[in-house]
N, C-alpha and C. Protein backbone atom coordinates (compact mmCIF):
# COMPACT_ATOMS: atom_id res chain seq x y z
N MET A 1 117.50 88.61 85.97
CA MET A 1 118.74 89.48 85.48
C MET A 1 119.91 88.69 83.94
N ARG A 2 119.51 88.11 83.17
CA ARG A 2 119.97 87.28 82.72
C ARG A 2 118.71 88.08 81.06
N ALA A 3 118.00 87.86 81.24
CA ALA A 3 117.56 89.34 79.64
C ALA A 3 117.81 90.54 79.48
N ARG A 4 119.40 91.37 80.75
CA ARG A 4 119.91 92.41 81.11
C ARG A 4 117.90 93.78 81.02
N LYS A 5 116.79 93.06 81.95
CA LYS A 5 116.30 94.63 81.85
C LYS A 5 116.33 95.01 83.05
N LEU A 6 117.74 94.61 84.30
CA LEU A 6 117.77 94.94 85.74
C LEU A 6 118.73 95.61 86.01
N VAL A 7 118.41 96.67 86.76
CA VAL A 7 119.82 97.07 87.09
C VAL A 7 120.34 97.36 88.84
N THR A 8 121.01 96.92 89.28
CA THR A 8 120.74 97.05 90.64
C THR A 8 122.56 97.90 91.55
N GLY A 9 122.79 98.10 92.38
CA GLY A 9 122.69 98.94 92.95
C GLY A 9 122.87 100.45 93.63
N GLU A 10 122.60 101.37 94.19
CA GLU A 10 121.84 102.63 94.26
C GLU A 10 122.46 103.72 93.21
N GLU A 11 123.84 103.39 92.50
CA GLU A 11 124.58 104.47 91.71
C GLU A 11 123.89 104.59 89.98
N LEU A 12 124.61 102.96 89.64
CA LEU A 12 123.62 102.36 89.20
C LEU A 12 122.07 102.86 88.00
N VAL A 13 120.74 102.69 89.60
CA VAL A 13 119.52 102.68 89.44
C VAL A 13 119.25 104.40 89.26
N ILE A 14 120.39 104.81 89.79
CA ILE A 14 120.04 107.08 89.66
C ILE A 14 119.99 107.27 88.28
N ASN A 15 121.30 106.47 87.80
CA ASN A 15 122.12 106.65 86.67
C ASN A 15 120.96 106.24 85.47
N GLU A 16 120.44 105.81 86.01
CA GLU A 16 119.53 104.53 84.92
C GLU A 16 117.92 105.86 84.52
N VAL A 17 117.54 106.46 85.83
CA VAL A 17 117.19 106.37 86.15
C VAL A 17 116.72 107.57 85.23
N ARG A 18 118.27 108.09 85.79
CA ARG A 18 118.10 110.13 85.46
C ARG A 18 118.43 110.40 83.25
N LYS A 19 118.80 108.61 83.23
CA LYS A 19 117.65 108.16 82.11
C LYS A 19 117.26 108.26 80.92
N GLY A 20 116.43 108.26 82.14
CA GLY A 20 114.95 107.75 81.42
C GLY A 20 114.38 106.64 80.83
N LYS A 21 115.41 105.33 81.40
CA LYS A 21 115.71 104.09 80.85
C LYS A 21 114.63 102.93 82.11
N VAL A 22 114.48 103.34 83.79
CA VAL A 22 114.32 102.57 84.01
C VAL A 22 112.54 102.88 84.40
N ARG A 23 111.77 102.27 84.17
CA ARG A 23 110.24 102.08 84.40
C ARG A 23 109.88 101.38 85.78
N LEU A 24 110.51 100.85 87.07
CA LEU A 24 110.30 101.02 87.76
C LEU A 24 111.13 100.06 89.01
N VAL A 25 111.35 100.83 90.34
CA VAL A 25 111.86 100.78 90.78
C VAL A 25 111.96 100.16 92.54
N ILE A 26 112.49 99.40 92.44
CA ILE A 26 111.67 97.96 93.54
C ILE A 26 113.23 98.01 94.45
N LEU A 27 112.66 99.03 96.43
CA LEU A 27 113.36 99.21 97.16
C LEU A 27 113.46 97.89 98.61
N SER A 28 113.95 97.98 98.71
CA SER A 28 114.29 96.87 100.26
C SER A 28 113.96 97.91 101.17
N THR A 29 112.31 97.11 101.57
CA THR A 29 111.70 97.54 103.12
C THR A 29 113.11 98.15 104.10
N ASP A 30 113.81 97.21 104.23
CA ASP A 30 115.53 97.33 105.37
C ASP A 30 116.36 97.87 104.93
N ALA A 31 116.53 99.07 103.57
CA ALA A 31 117.44 100.11 103.36
C ALA A 31 117.88 101.30 104.32
N SER A 32 118.53 101.83 104.56
CA SER A 32 118.78 103.00 105.38
C SER A 32 118.40 103.49 105.10
N ALA A 33 117.81 104.91 105.77
CA ALA A 33 116.45 106.03 106.07
C ALA A 33 117.10 106.73 104.54
N ASN A 34 118.73 106.76 104.61
CA ASN A 34 119.16 107.52 104.07
C ASN A 34 118.68 107.32 102.37
N THR A 35 119.78 106.18 102.09
CA THR A 35 119.29 105.27 100.28
C THR A 35 117.73 105.56 100.13
N GLN A 36 117.13 105.38 101.18
CA GLN A 36 115.43 105.65 100.63
C GLN A 36 114.66 106.93 100.22
N LYS A 37 114.89 107.49 101.99
CA LYS A 37 114.92 109.48 101.01
C LYS A 37 115.15 110.04 99.50
N ASN A 38 116.91 109.16 99.49
CA ASN A 38 117.92 109.61 98.35
C ASN A 38 116.64 109.21 96.92
N ILE A 39 116.88 107.96 97.45
CA ILE A 39 115.88 106.70 95.80
C ILE A 39 114.67 107.23 95.55
N MET A 40 113.59 107.63 96.61
CA MET A 40 112.63 108.24 96.71
C MET A 40 111.95 109.85 95.98
N ASN A 41 113.12 110.73 96.27
CA ASN A 41 113.34 111.98 96.07
C ASN A 41 113.81 111.29 94.75
N LYS A 42 113.99 111.17 93.78
CA LYS A 42 114.94 111.00 92.78
C LYS A 42 113.85 110.57 91.64
N CYS A 43 113.17 108.98 92.32
CA CYS A 43 112.50 108.83 91.59
C CYS A 43 110.76 109.71 91.30
N GLN A 44 110.99 110.28 92.71
CA GLN A 44 110.15 111.80 92.10
C GLN A 44 109.72 112.24 91.47
N SER A 45 111.50 112.78 91.23
CA SER A 45 111.62 114.97 90.44
C SER A 45 111.83 113.20 89.04
N TYR A 46 112.38 112.31 88.77
CA TYR A 46 112.05 111.52 87.09
C TYR A 46 110.64 111.24 86.33
N ASN A 47 109.55 110.76 87.61
CA ASN A 47 108.57 110.32 87.78
C ASN A 47 108.00 109.08 87.61
N VAL A 48 109.46 108.13 88.25
CA VAL A 48 109.65 107.01 88.07
C VAL A 48 108.82 105.91 89.52
N LYS A 49 107.71 105.04 89.60
CA LYS A 49 107.21 104.48 89.73
C LYS A 49 108.86 103.91 91.38
N CYS A 50 108.54 104.28 92.63
CA CYS A 50 108.66 103.25 93.50
C CYS A 50 108.79 101.88 94.01
N LEU A 51 108.11 100.94 94.55
CA LEU A 51 108.21 100.40 95.62
C LEU A 51 108.20 99.70 96.47
N PRO A 52 108.08 99.88 97.94
CA PRO A 52 109.33 98.65 98.59
C PRO A 52 108.83 97.84 98.87
N PHE A 53 109.60 96.44 99.01
CA PHE A 53 109.59 95.10 98.57
C PHE A 53 110.17 94.15 99.37
N GLY A 54 109.79 93.20 100.20
CA GLY A 54 110.73 92.62 100.41
C GLY A 54 111.77 93.01 101.76
N SER A 55 112.90 91.34 101.72
CA SER A 55 114.33 92.10 102.76
C SER A 55 115.49 92.30 102.06
N ARG A 56 116.92 93.11 102.17
CA ARG A 56 117.68 92.49 100.82
C ARG A 56 118.10 91.26 100.21
N HIS A 57 117.79 90.27 101.11
CA HIS A 57 118.33 89.07 101.06
C HIS A 57 117.41 88.45 100.17
N GLU A 58 115.85 88.90 100.64
CA GLU A 58 114.72 88.52 99.30
C GLU A 58 114.94 88.88 98.26
N LEU A 59 115.69 90.10 97.94
CA LEU A 59 115.36 90.85 96.58
C LEU A 59 116.72 89.89 95.99
N GLY A 60 117.56 90.15 96.69
CA GLY A 60 119.23 89.27 96.09
C GLY A 60 118.77 87.75 95.71
N TRP A 61 117.96 87.19 95.99
CA TRP A 61 117.60 85.66 96.04
C TRP A 61 116.09 85.95 94.32
N ALA A 62 115.85 86.22 94.68
CA ALA A 62 114.62 86.72 93.32
C ALA A 62 115.03 86.90 92.66
N ILE A 63 116.73 87.39 92.22
CA ILE A 63 117.06 87.61 91.04
C ILE A 63 118.12 86.48 91.02
N GLY A 64 118.61 86.19 91.16
CA GLY A 64 119.82 85.26 91.39
C GLY A 64 120.94 85.38 92.51
N LYS A 65 120.95 86.88 92.61
CA LYS A 65 122.64 87.35 93.54
C LYS A 65 122.52 87.49 94.90
N ASP A 66 123.72 88.25 95.50
CA ASP A 66 123.78 87.78 96.82
C ASP A 66 123.28 89.30 97.59
N GLU A 67 123.32 89.42 98.26
CA GLU A 67 121.49 90.74 98.60
C GLU A 67 122.20 91.97 97.85
N ARG A 68 120.56 92.34 97.24
CA ARG A 68 120.27 93.30 96.69
C ARG A 68 119.62 94.29 97.24
N VAL A 69 119.55 95.68 97.32
CA VAL A 69 118.66 96.58 98.35
C VAL A 69 118.10 97.96 97.18
N ILE A 70 118.33 97.63 95.89
CA ILE A 70 117.63 98.46 95.50
C ILE A 70 117.78 97.78 93.30
N ILE A 71 116.44 97.53 93.01
CA ILE A 71 116.63 97.16 91.69
C ILE A 71 115.74 97.97 91.02
N GLY A 72 116.58 98.29 89.87
CA GLY A 72 115.47 99.03 88.47
C GLY A 72 115.20 98.17 87.53
N VAL A 73 113.70 97.97 86.99
CA VAL A 73 113.54 97.54 86.13
C VAL A 73 112.95 98.47 85.12
N LEU A 74 113.80 98.06 83.55
CA LEU A 74 114.47 98.86 82.16
C LEU A 74 112.84 98.16 81.39
N ASP A 75 112.66 97.24 81.37
CA ASP A 75 111.12 96.55 80.47
C ASP A 75 109.78 96.99 80.10
N SER A 76 109.23 97.80 80.49
CA SER A 76 107.78 98.51 80.39
C SER A 76 106.55 97.11 80.98
N GLY A 77 106.67 96.23 80.61
CA GLY A 77 105.68 94.95 80.03
C GLY A 77 106.46 94.34 81.82
N PHE A 78 107.87 94.66 81.91
CA PHE A 78 108.16 93.53 83.38
C PHE A 78 108.46 94.30 84.07
N ALA A 79 108.04 96.45 83.85
CA ALA A 79 107.88 96.38 85.27
C ALA A 79 106.33 96.65 85.74
N LYS A 80 105.86 96.20 84.85
CA LYS A 80 103.92 96.63 84.65
C LYS A 80 103.57 95.48 85.13
N LYS A 81 103.70 93.58 85.14
CA LYS A 81 104.07 92.39 86.22
C LYS A 81 104.20 93.48 87.38
N LEU A 82 105.25 92.64 87.74
CA LEU A 82 106.76 93.38 88.52
C LEU A 82 105.13 94.13 89.79
N LYS A 83 104.77 95.00 88.76
CA LYS A 83 104.33 95.61 89.75
C LYS A 83 102.64 95.05 90.21
N ASP A 84 102.23 94.42 89.52
CA ASP A 84 100.80 93.65 89.85
C ASP A 84 101.35 92.91 90.52
N MET A 85 101.80 92.38 90.37
CA MET A 85 102.49 91.03 91.69
C MET A 85 102.71 91.15 92.97
N ILE A 86 103.13 92.48 93.26
CA ILE A 86 104.01 93.10 94.07
C ILE A 86 102.69 93.84 95.25
N HIS A 87 101.05 93.96 93.71
CA HIS A 87 100.37 95.09 94.71
C HIS A 87 99.87 93.95 95.07
N GLU A 88 99.14 92.34 94.23
CA GLU A 88 98.75 91.01 95.02
C GLU A 88 99.25 90.94 96.17
N SER A 89 101.08 90.54 96.33
CA SER A 89 101.52 89.85 97.36
C SER A 89 100.61 90.73 98.66
N ASP A 90 100.54 91.77 98.78
CA ASP A 90 100.24 93.38 99.06
C ASP A 90 99.37 92.97 100.07
N LYS A 91 98.07 92.91 99.40
CA LYS A 91 96.27 92.60 98.95
C LYS A 91 96.55 90.68 100.16
N GLY A 92 97.82 90.18 100.10
CA GLY A 92 97.51 88.69 100.32
C GLY A 92 97.41 88.70 102.08
N GLU A 93 99.18 89.47 102.41
CA GLU A 93 99.29 89.45 103.47
C GLU A 93 98.43 90.33 104.39
N ASN A 94 97.24 91.54 104.30
CA ASN A 94 96.48 92.48 104.92
C ASN A 94 95.56 90.90 104.98
N LEU A 95 95.15 90.72 104.87
CA LEU A 95 93.89 90.03 104.54
C LEU A 95 94.25 89.03 106.23
């Protein structure tokens, strides 16, 4: 957050996706069905990877804020590293 490489909040993330600035969207697994559908559709139409991960509490804690349902990552290097870390975390849960 301090590096200004993240945006949070549904409207802000959608606006940045439209502008082509978001490289990765992280959506909490406990987001409402309507929010999930809206974000997934927007990401698909703008060809942005959207990954479900953690609860809103976990996402907020990870960035040092209150609960967050959606996080948009603006930096491509940071987005790649987060994708790798999320996939590694998913593999660990399946063991």
